[in-house]
Amino acid sequence: MRAPPIVADPWLVGWKSIVEHMEASEKTCRRWAEQAFDPLPVMEDAMGKPIAQASALDAWIGRHVTPWGRKKPEESKTDSRWFPSAETIDGE
């Protein structure tokens, strides 16, 4: 029996590829990468370019998604801009 092939997790190099993967603006991605609590997992290579693994970004997104879509990581759960009221959910 053969073992399944090992697929390497792709590295995203540069803000352009990170932004495309995150589906957010470069400014937003940079802000998320610089926040103190649970920053976006972005590193720099030897030349100073930002790099990130797609699976690490996906895991980070998974910790910052609500049933209604993405929320800003620094926003509280009571912020009405990111969490609709019960009236909005019920359609009234």
PDB file of N, CA and C in Angstrom:
ATOM      1  N   MET A   1       0.846  -1.175   0.000  1.00  0.00           N
ATOM      2  CA  MET A   1       0.000   0.000   0.000  1.00  0.00           C
ATOM      3  C   MET A   1       0.893   1.241   0.000  1.00  0.00           C
ATOM      4  N   ARG A   2       0.580   2.172  -0.875  1.00  0.00           N
ATOM      5  CA  ARG A   2       1.362   3.400  -0.987  1.00  0.00           C
ATOM      6  C   ARG A   2       0.846   4.463  -0.030  1.00  0.00           C
ATOM      7  N   ALA A   3       1.768   5.215   0.482  1.00  0.00           N
ATOM      8  CA  ALA A   3       1.392   6.352   1.329  1.00  0.00           C
ATOM      9  C   ALA A   3       0.929   7.497   0.433  1.00  0.00           C
ATOM     10  N   PRO A   4      -0.033   8.272   0.904  1.00  0.00           N
ATOM     11  CA  PRO A   4      -0.481   9.409   0.084  1.00  0.00           C
ATOM     12  C   PRO A   4       0.659  10.419  -0.061  1.00  0.00           C
ATOM     13  N   PRO A   5       0.690  11.101  -1.183  1.00  0.00           N
ATOM     14  CA  PRO A   5       1.768  12.074  -1.385  1.00  0.00           C
ATOM     15  C   PRO A   5       1.651  13.219  -0.382  1.00  0.00           C
ATOM     16  N   ILE A   6       2.792  13.709   0.042  1.00  0.00           N
ATOM     17  CA  ILE A   6       2.821  14.828   0.974  1.00  0.00           C
ATOM     18  C   ILE A   6       2.738  16.119   0.162  1.00  0.00           C
ATOM     19  N   VAL A   7       1.760  16.917   0.479  1.00  0.00           N
ATOM     20  CA  VAL A   7       1.576  18.181  -0.213  1.00  0.00           C
ATOM     21  C   VAL A   7       2.087  19.287   0.701  1.00  0.00           C
ATOM     22  N   ALA A   8       3.036  20.020   0.211  1.00  0.00           N
ATOM     23  CA  ALA A   8       3.612  21.097   1.015  1.00  0.00           C
ATOM     24  C   ALA A   8       2.622  22.255   1.119  1.00  0.00           C
ATOM     25  N   ASP A   9       2.594  22.851   2.304  1.00  0.00           N
ATOM     26  CA  ASP A   9       1.750  24.018   2.516  1.00  0.00           C
ATOM     27  C   ASP A   9       2.383  25.201   1.782  1.00  0.00           C
ATOM     28  N   PRO A  10       1.641  25.843   0.889  1.00  0.00           N
ATOM     29  CA  PRO A  10       2.249  26.918   0.104  1.00  0.00           C
ATOM     30  C   PRO A  10       2.583  28.146   0.948  1.00  0.00           C
ATOM     31  N   TRP A  11       3.712  28.747   0.640  1.00  0.00           N
ATOM     32  CA  TRP A  11       4.102  30.002   1.268  1.00  0.00           C
ATOM     33  C   TRP A  11       3.602  31.138   0.398  1.00  0.00           C
ATOM     34  N   LEU A  12       3.016  32.114   1.013  1.00  0.00           N
ATOM     35  CA  LEU A  12       2.596  33.317   0.313  1.00  0.00           C
ATOM     36  C   LEU A  12       3.685  34.357   0.543  1.00  0.00           C
ATOM     37  N   VAL A  13       4.214  34.902  -0.534  1.00  0.00           N
ATOM     38  CA  VAL A  13       5.330  35.846  -0.440  1.00  0.00           C
ATOM     39  C   VAL A  13       4.856  37.222  -0.896  1.00  0.00           C
ATOM     40  N   GLY A  14       5.016  38.202  -0.030  1.00  0.00           N
ATOM     41  CA  GLY A  14       4.636  39.580  -0.353  1.00  0.00           C
ATOM     42  C   GLY A  14       3.212  39.891   0.074  1.00  0.00           C
ATOM     43  N   TRP A  15       2.983  41.174   0.334  1.00  0.00           N
ATOM     44  CA  TRP A  15       1.654  41.593   0.785  1.00  0.00           C
ATOM     45  C   TRP A  15       0.594  41.315  -0.273  1.00  0.00           C
ATOM     46  N   LYS A  16       0.938  41.396  -1.544  1.00  0.00           N
ATOM     47  CA  LYS A  16      -0.054  41.182  -2.603  1.00  0.00           C
ATOM     48  C   LYS A  16      -0.673  39.787  -2.506  1.00  0.00           C
ATOM     49  N   SER A  17       0.139  38.767  -2.353  1.00  0.00           N
ATOM     50  CA  SER A  17      -0.407  37.409  -2.275  1.00  0.00           C
ATOM     51  C   SER A  17      -1.111  37.164  -0.939  1.00  0.00           C
ATOM     52  N   ILE A  18      -0.620  37.768   0.141  1.00  0.00           N
ATOM     53  CA  ILE A  18      -1.279  37.627   1.442  1.00  0.00           C
ATOM     54  C   ILE A  18      -2.643  38.301   1.413  1.00  0.00           C
ATOM     55  N   VAL A  19      -2.698  39.497   0.825  1.00  0.00           N
ATOM     56  CA  VAL A  19      -3.953  40.244   0.713  1.00  0.00           C
ATOM     57  C   VAL A  19      -4.971  39.476  -0.129  1.00  0.00           C
ATOM     58  N   GLU A  20      -4.537  38.896  -1.232  1.00  0.00           N
ATOM     59  CA  GLU A  20      -5.449  38.117  -2.084  1.00  0.00           C
ATOM     60  C   GLU A  20      -5.997  36.918  -1.322  1.00  0.00           C
ATOM     61  N   HIS A  21      -5.149  36.257  -0.545  1.00  0.00           N
ATOM     62  CA  HIS A  21      -5.599  35.097   0.222  1.00  0.00           C
ATOM     63  C   HIS A  21      -6.574  35.507   1.328  1.00  0.00           C
ATOM     64  N   MET A  22      -6.301  36.631   1.984  1.00  0.00           N
ATOM     65  CA  MET A  22      -7.129  37.087   3.100  1.00  0.00           C
ATOM     66  C   MET A  22      -8.401  37.795   2.646  1.00  0.00           C
ATOM     67  N   GLU A  23      -8.454  38.219   1.389  1.00  0.00           N
ATOM     68  CA  GLU A  23      -9.590  38.964   0.858  1.00  0.00           C
ATOM     69  C   GLU A  23      -9.864  40.208   1.693  1.00  0.00           C
ATOM     70  N   ALA A  24      -8.807  40.929   2.009  1.00  0.00           N
ATOM     71  CA  ALA A  24      -8.890  42.181   2.762  1.00  0.00           C
ATOM     72  C   ALA A  24      -7.858  43.138   2.178  1.00  0.00           C
ATOM     73  N   SER A  25      -7.939  44.404   2.554  1.00  0.00           N
ATOM     74  CA  SER A  25      -6.986  45.376   2.024  1.00  0.00           C
ATOM     75  C   SER A  25      -5.608  45.184   2.661  1.00  0.00           C
ATOM     76  N   GLU A  26      -4.597  45.725   2.003  1.00  0.00           N
ATOM     77  CA  GLU A  26      -3.244  45.634   2.543  1.00  0.00           C
ATOM     78  C   GLU A  26      -3.157  46.356   3.887  1.00  0.00           C
ATOM     79  N   LYS A  27      -3.802  47.505   3.981  1.00  0.00           N
ATOM     80  CA  LYS A  27      -3.785  48.265   5.233  1.00  0.00           C
ATOM     81  C   LYS A  27      -4.380  47.451   6.378  1.00  0.00           C
ATOM     82  N   THR A  28      -5.485  46.769   6.107  1.00  0.00           N
ATOM     83  CA  THR A  28      -6.131  45.948   7.123  1.00  0.00           C
ATOM     84  C   THR A  28      -5.235  44.777   7.517  1.00  0.00           C
ATOM     85  N   CYS A  29      -4.643  44.107   6.541  1.00  0.00           N
ATOM     86  CA  CYS A  29      -3.756  42.971   6.836  1.00  0.00           C
ATOM     87  C   CYS A  29      -2.540  43.409   7.649  1.00  0.00           C
ATOM     88  N   ARG A  30      -1.978  44.558   7.311  1.00  0.00           N
ATOM     89  CA  ARG A  30      -0.839  45.075   8.080  1.00  0.00           C
ATOM     90  C   ARG A  30      -1.252  45.382   9.516  1.00  0.00           C
ATOM     91  N   ARG A  31      -2.438  45.967   9.687  1.00  0.00           N
ATOM     92  CA  ARG A  31      -2.928  46.274  11.027  1.00  0.00           C
ATOM     93  C   ARG A  31      -3.120  44.989  11.828  1.00  0.00           C
ATOM     94  N   TRP A  32      -3.704  43.972  11.198  1.00  0.00           N
ATOM     95  CA  TRP A  32      -3.904  42.693  11.884  1.00  0.00           C
ATOM     96  C   TRP A  32      -2.567  42.065  12.257  1.00  0.00           C
ATOM     97  N   ALA A  33      -1.559  42.215  11.417  1.00  0.00           N
ATOM     98  CA  ALA A  33      -0.238  41.633  11.686  1.00  0.00           C
ATOM     99  C   ALA A  33       0.476  42.351  12.830  1.00  0.00           C
ATOM    100  N   GLU A  34       0.140  43.603  13.057  1.00  0.00           N
ATOM    101  CA  GLU A  34       0.815  44.393  14.085  1.00  0.00           C
ATOM    102  C   GLU A  34       0.088  44.425  15.422  1.00  0.00           C
ATOM    103  N   GLN A  35      -1.123  43.866  15.490  1.00  0.00           N
ATOM    104  CA  GLN A  35      -1.859  43.935  16.760  1.00  0.00           C
ATOM    105  C   GLN A  35      -1.170  43.094  17.829  1.00  0.00           C
ATOM    106  N   ALA A  36      -1.350  43.492  19.070  1.00  0.00           N
ATOM    107  CA  ALA A  36      -0.649  42.852  20.188  1.00  0.00           C
ATOM    108  C   ALA A  36      -1.211  41.470  20.512  1.00  0.00           C
ATOM    109  N   PHE A  37      -2.519  41.317  20.467  1.00  0.00           N
ATOM    110  CA  PHE A  37      -3.135  40.050  20.834  1.00  0.00           C
ATOM    111  C   PHE A  37      -3.493  39.266  19.581  1.00  0.00           C
ATOM    112  N   ASP A  38      -2.979  38.064  19.453  1.00  0.00           N
ATOM    113  CA  ASP A  38      -3.267  37.164  18.334  1.00  0.00           C
ATOM    114  C   ASP A  38      -3.051  37.833  16.975  1.00  0.00           C
ATOM    115  N   PRO A  39      -1.829  38.260  16.681  1.00  0.00           N
ATOM    116  CA  PRO A  39      -1.569  38.916  15.397  1.00  0.00           C
ATOM    117  C   PRO A  39      -1.668  37.944  14.220  1.00  0.00           C
ATOM    118  N   LEU A  40      -1.890  38.501  13.052  1.00  0.00           N
ATOM    119  CA  LEU A  40      -1.880  37.717  11.823  1.00  0.00           C
ATOM    120  C   LEU A  40      -0.502  37.064  11.697  1.00  0.00           C
ATOM    121  N   PRO A  41      -0.434  35.750  11.434  1.00  0.00           N
ATOM    122  CA  PRO A  41       0.861  35.054  11.413  1.00  0.00           C
ATOM    123  C   PRO A  41       1.685  35.339  10.157  1.00  0.00           C
ATOM    124  N   VAL A  42       2.304  36.507  10.141  1.00  0.00           N
ATOM    125  CA  VAL A  42       3.141  36.938   9.016  1.00  0.00           C
ATOM    126  C   VAL A  42       4.560  37.136   9.534  1.00  0.00           C
ATOM    127  N   MET A  43       5.525  36.617   8.792  1.00  0.00           N
ATOM    128  CA  MET A  43       6.942  36.768   9.141  1.00  0.00           C
ATOM    129  C   MET A  43       7.641  37.511   8.010  1.00  0.00           C
ATOM    130  N   GLU A  44       8.913  37.786   8.200  1.00  0.00           N
ATOM    131  CA  GLU A  44       9.710  38.400   7.142  1.00  0.00           C
ATOM    132  C   GLU A  44      10.815  37.440   6.729  1.00  0.00           C
ATOM    133  N   ASP A  45      11.061  37.374   5.416  1.00  0.00           N
ATOM    134  CA  ASP A  45      12.180  36.555   4.947  1.00  0.00           C
ATOM    135  C   ASP A  45      13.479  37.335   5.110  1.00  0.00           C
ATOM    136  N   ALA A  46      14.577  36.772   4.643  1.00  0.00           N
ATOM    137  CA  ALA A  46      15.890  37.398   4.811  1.00  0.00           C
ATOM    138  C   ALA A  46      15.980  38.753   4.109  1.00  0.00           C
ATOM    139  N   MET A  47      15.170  38.959   3.095  1.00  0.00           N
ATOM    140  CA  MET A  47      15.188  40.223   2.355  1.00  0.00           C
ATOM    141  C   MET A  47      14.186  41.241   2.907  1.00  0.00           C
ATOM    142  N   GLY A  48      13.433  40.854   3.939  1.00  0.00           N
ATOM    143  CA  GLY A  48      12.468  41.764   4.545  1.00  0.00           C
ATOM    144  C   GLY A  48      11.081  41.705   3.957  1.00  0.00           C
ATOM    145  N   LYS A  49      10.845  40.770   3.022  1.00  0.00           N
ATOM    146  CA  LYS A  49       9.510  40.624   2.433  1.00  0.00           C
ATOM    147  C   LYS A  49       8.622  39.833   3.384  1.00  0.00           C
ATOM    148  N   PRO A  50       7.353  40.220   3.510  1.00  0.00           N
ATOM    149  CA  PRO A  50       6.452  39.452   4.366  1.00  0.00           C
ATOM    150  C   PRO A  50       6.132  38.096   3.742  1.00  0.00           C
ATOM    151  N   ILE A  51       6.121  37.055   4.570  1.00  0.00           N
ATOM    152  CA  ILE A  51       5.762  35.709   4.117  1.00  0.00           C
ATOM    153  C   ILE A  51       4.813  35.096   5.131  1.00  0.00           C
ATOM    154  N   ALA A  52       3.967  34.211   4.658  1.00  0.00           N
ATOM    155  CA  ALA A  52       3.029  33.519   5.540  1.00  0.00           C
ATOM    156  C   ALA A  52       2.621  32.210   4.878  1.00  0.00           C
ATOM    157  N   GLN A  53       2.293  31.224   5.701  1.00  0.00           N
ATOM    158  CA  GLN A  53       1.774  29.969   5.174  1.00  0.00           C
ATOM    159  C   GLN A  53       0.255  30.070   5.078  1.00  0.00           C
ATOM    160  N   ALA A  54      -0.289  29.579   3.987  1.00  0.00           N
ATOM    161  CA  ALA A  54      -1.726  29.660   3.755  1.00  0.00           C
ATOM    162  C   ALA A  54      -2.512  28.989   4.877  1.00  0.00           C
ATOM    163  N   SER A  55      -2.038  27.837   5.368  1.00  0.00           N
ATOM    164  CA  SER A  55      -2.783  27.129   6.421  1.00  0.00           C
ATOM    165  C   SER A  55      -2.793  27.923   7.722  1.00  0.00           C
ATOM    166  N   ALA A  56      -1.716  28.643   8.024  1.00  0.00           N
ATOM    167  CA  ALA A  56      -1.674  29.468   9.234  1.00  0.00           C
ATOM    168  C   ALA A  56      -2.653  30.636   9.120  1.00  0.00           C
ATOM    169  N   LEU A  57      -2.737  31.232   7.932  1.00  0.00           N
ATOM    170  CA  LEU A  57      -3.699  32.310   7.726  1.00  0.00           C
ATOM    171  C   LEU A  57      -5.124  31.790   7.816  1.00  0.00           C
ATOM    172  N   ASP A  58      -5.376  30.602   7.252  1.00  0.00           N
ATOM    173  CA  ASP A  58      -6.711  30.007   7.329  1.00  0.00           C
ATOM    174  C   ASP A  58      -7.111  29.720   8.770  1.00  0.00           C
ATOM    175  N   ALA A  59      -6.178  29.225   9.565  1.00  0.00           N
ATOM    176  CA  ALA A  59      -6.464  28.967  10.980  1.00  0.00           C
ATOM    177  C   ALA A  59      -6.757  30.269  11.709  1.00  0.00           C
ATOM    178  N   TRP A  60      -6.007  31.320  11.383  1.00  0.00           N
ATOM    179  CA  TRP A  60      -6.231  32.627  12.009  1.00  0.00           C
ATOM    180  C   TRP A  60      -7.619  33.152  11.639  1.00  0.00           C
ATOM    181  N   ILE A  61      -7.985  33.012  10.360  1.00  0.00           N
ATOM    182  CA  ILE A  61      -9.311  33.442   9.918  1.00  0.00           C
ATOM    183  C   ILE A  61     -10.387  32.678  10.687  1.00  0.00           C
ATOM    184  N   GLY A  62     -10.171  31.383  10.890  1.00  0.00           N
ATOM    185  CA  GLY A  62     -11.146  30.568  11.610  1.00  0.00           C
ATOM    186  C   GLY A  62     -11.402  31.043  13.026  1.00  0.00           C
ATOM    187  N   ARG A  63     -10.405  31.663  13.643  1.00  0.00           N
ATOM    188  CA  ARG A  63     -10.589  32.199  14.996  1.00  0.00           C
ATOM    189  C   ARG A  63     -11.253  33.564  14.990  1.00  0.00           C
ATOM    190  N   HIS A  64     -11.412  34.174  13.833  1.00  0.00           N
ATOM    191  CA  HIS A  64     -11.936  35.536  13.753  1.00  0.00           C
ATOM    192  C   HIS A  64     -13.140  35.645  12.818  1.00  0.00           C
ATOM    193  N   VAL A  65     -13.918  34.585  12.731  1.00  0.00           N
ATOM    194  CA  VAL A  65     -15.091  34.602  11.865  1.00  0.00           C
ATOM    195  C   VAL A  65     -16.325  34.331  12.707  1.00  0.00           C
ATOM    196  N   THR A  66     -17.374  35.059  12.417  1.00  0.00           N
ATOM    197  CA  THR A  66     -18.651  34.875  13.100  1.00  0.00           C
ATOM    198  C   THR A  66     -19.620  34.224  12.118  1.00  0.00           C
ATOM    199  N   PRO A  67     -20.777  33.805  12.568  1.00  0.00           N
ATOM    200  CA  PRO A  67     -21.757  33.260  11.622  1.00  0.00           C
ATOM    201  C   PRO A  67     -22.189  34.271  10.558  1.00  0.00           C
ATOM    202  N   TRP A  68     -21.981  35.556  10.824  1.00  0.00           N
ATOM    203  CA  TRP A  68     -22.395  36.602   9.882  1.00  0.00           C
ATOM    204  C   TRP A  68     -21.259  37.078   9.021  1.00  0.00           C
ATOM    205  N   GLY A  69     -20.083  36.478   9.138  1.00  0.00           N
ATOM    206  CA  GLY A  69     -18.932  36.885   8.344  1.00  0.00           C
ATOM    207  C   GLY A  69     -17.775  37.300   9.224  1.00  0.00           C
ATOM    208  N   ARG A  70     -16.770  37.890   8.630  1.00  0.00           N
ATOM    209  CA  ARG A  70     -15.578  38.287   9.366  1.00  0.00           C
ATOM    210  C   ARG A  70     -15.879  39.437  10.312  1.00  0.00           C
ATOM    211  N   LYS A  71     -15.106  39.500  11.369  1.00  0.00           N
ATOM    212  CA  LYS A  71     -15.159  40.637  12.277  1.00  0.00           C
ATOM    213  C   LYS A  71     -13.735  41.115  12.497  1.00  0.00           C
ATOM    214  N   LYS A  72     -13.594  42.331  12.916  1.00  0.00           N
ATOM    215  CA  LYS A  72     -12.274  42.828  13.253  1.00  0.00           C
ATOM    216  C   LYS A  72     -11.831  42.133  14.521  1.00  0.00           C
ATOM    217  N   PRO A  73     -10.603  41.629  14.578  1.00  0.00           N
ATOM    218  CA  PRO A  73     -10.162  40.899  15.760  1.00  0.00           C
ATOM    219  C   PRO A  73     -10.187  41.729  17.029  1.00  0.00           C
ATOM    220  N   GLU A  74      -9.989  43.038  16.934  1.00  0.00           N
ATOM    221  CA  GLU A  74      -9.939  43.852  18.135  1.00  0.00           C
ATOM    222  C   GLU A  74     -11.313  44.312  18.620  1.00  0.00           C
ATOM    223  N   GLU A  75     -12.360  44.043  17.834  1.00  0.00           N
ATOM    224  CA  GLU A  75     -13.696  44.464  18.233  1.00  0.00           C
ATOM    225  C   GLU A  75     -14.286  43.509  19.268  1.00  0.00           C
ATOM    226  N   SER A  76     -15.059  44.051  20.167  1.00  0.00           N
ATOM    227  CA  SER A  76     -15.706  43.218  21.180  1.00  0.00           C
ATOM    228  C   SER A  76     -16.957  42.583  20.609  1.00  0.00           C
ATOM    229  N   LYS A  77     -17.463  41.587  21.289  1.00  0.00           N
ATOM    230  CA  LYS A  77     -18.651  40.884  20.816  1.00  0.00           C
ATOM    231  C   LYS A  77     -19.911  41.723  20.964  1.00  0.00           C
ATOM    232  N   THR A  78     -19.826  42.827  21.662  1.00  0.00           N
ATOM    233  CA  THR A  78     -21.006  43.668  21.842  1.00  0.00           C
ATOM    234  C   THR A  78     -21.064  44.805  20.836  1.00  0.00           C
ATOM    235  N   ASP A  79     -20.105  44.904  19.961  1.00  0.00           N
ATOM    236  CA  ASP A  79     -20.069  45.976  18.972  1.00  0.00           C
ATOM    237  C   ASP A  79     -21.140  45.715  17.918  1.00  0.00           C
ATOM    238  N   SER A  80     -22.125  46.598  17.834  1.00  0.00           N
ATOM    239  CA  SER A  80     -23.262  46.380  16.946  1.00  0.00           C
ATOM    240  C   SER A  80     -22.889  46.455  15.468  1.00  0.00           C
ATOM    241  N   ARG A  81     -21.732  47.059  15.132  1.00  0.00           N
ATOM    242  CA  ARG A  81     -21.350  47.103  13.722  1.00  0.00           C
ATOM    243  C   ARG A  81     -21.019  45.719  13.199  1.00  0.00           C
ATOM    244  N   TRP A  82     -20.552  44.826  14.071  1.00  0.00           N
ATOM    245  CA  TRP A  82     -20.107  43.519  13.637  1.00  0.00           C
ATOM    246  C   TRP A  82     -21.048  42.410  14.060  1.00  0.00           C
ATOM    247  N   PHE A  83     -21.896  42.673  15.016  1.00  0.00           N
ATOM    248  CA  PHE A  83     -22.828  41.661  15.482  1.00  0.00           C
ATOM    249  C   PHE A  83     -24.228  42.226  15.381  1.00  0.00           C
ATOM    250  N   PRO A  84     -25.047  41.716  14.485  1.00  0.00           N
ATOM    251  CA  PRO A  84     -26.392  42.262  14.323  1.00  0.00           C
ATOM    252  C   PRO A  84     -27.250  42.003  15.548  1.00  0.00           C
ATOM    253  N   SER A  85     -28.213  42.852  15.732  1.00  0.00           N
ATOM    254  CA  SER A  85     -29.143  42.682  16.855  1.00  0.00           C
ATOM    255  C   SER A  85     -30.075  41.520  16.571  1.00  0.00           C
ATOM    256  N   ALA A  86     -30.786  41.076  17.584  1.00  0.00           N
ATOM    257  CA  ALA A  86     -31.728  39.968  17.424  1.00  0.00           C
ATOM    258  C   ALA A  86     -32.825  40.347  16.432  1.00  0.00           C
ATOM    259  N   GLU A  87     -33.201  41.625  16.403  1.00  0.00           N
ATOM    260  CA  GLU A  87     -34.230  42.081  15.453  1.00  0.00           C
ATOM    261  C   GLU A  87     -33.765  41.906  14.021  1.00  0.00           C
ATOM    262  N   THR A  88     -32.505  42.172  13.748  1.00  0.00           N
ATOM    263  CA  THR A  88     -31.966  42.020  12.402  1.00  0.00           C
ATOM    264  C   THR A  88     -31.947  40.558  11.982  1.00  0.00           C
ATOM    265  N   ILE A  89     -31.615  39.694  12.912  1.00  0.00           N
ATOM    266  CA  ILE A  89     -31.540  38.258  12.609  1.00  0.00           C
ATOM    267  C   ILE A  89     -32.933  37.697  12.326  1.00  0.00           C
ATOM    268  N   ASP A  90     -33.919  38.114  13.110  1.00  0.00           N
ATOM    269  CA  ASP A  90     -35.287  37.616  12.938  1.00  0.00           C
ATOM    270  C   ASP A  90     -35.978  38.222  11.727  1.00  0.00           C
ATOM    271  N   GLY A  91     -35.390  39.240  11.141  1.00  0.00           N
ATOM    272  CA  GLY A  91     -35.946  39.829   9.936  1.00  0.00           C
ATOM    273  C   GLY A  91     -36.990  40.885  10.212  1.00  0.00           C
ATOM    274  N   GLU A  92     -37.072  41.361  11.413  1.00  0.00           N
ATOM    275  CA  GLU A  92     -38.065  42.395  11.738  1.00  0.00           C
ATOM    276  C   GLU A  92     -37.482  43.772  11.595  1.00  0.00           C
TER     277      GLU A  92
END
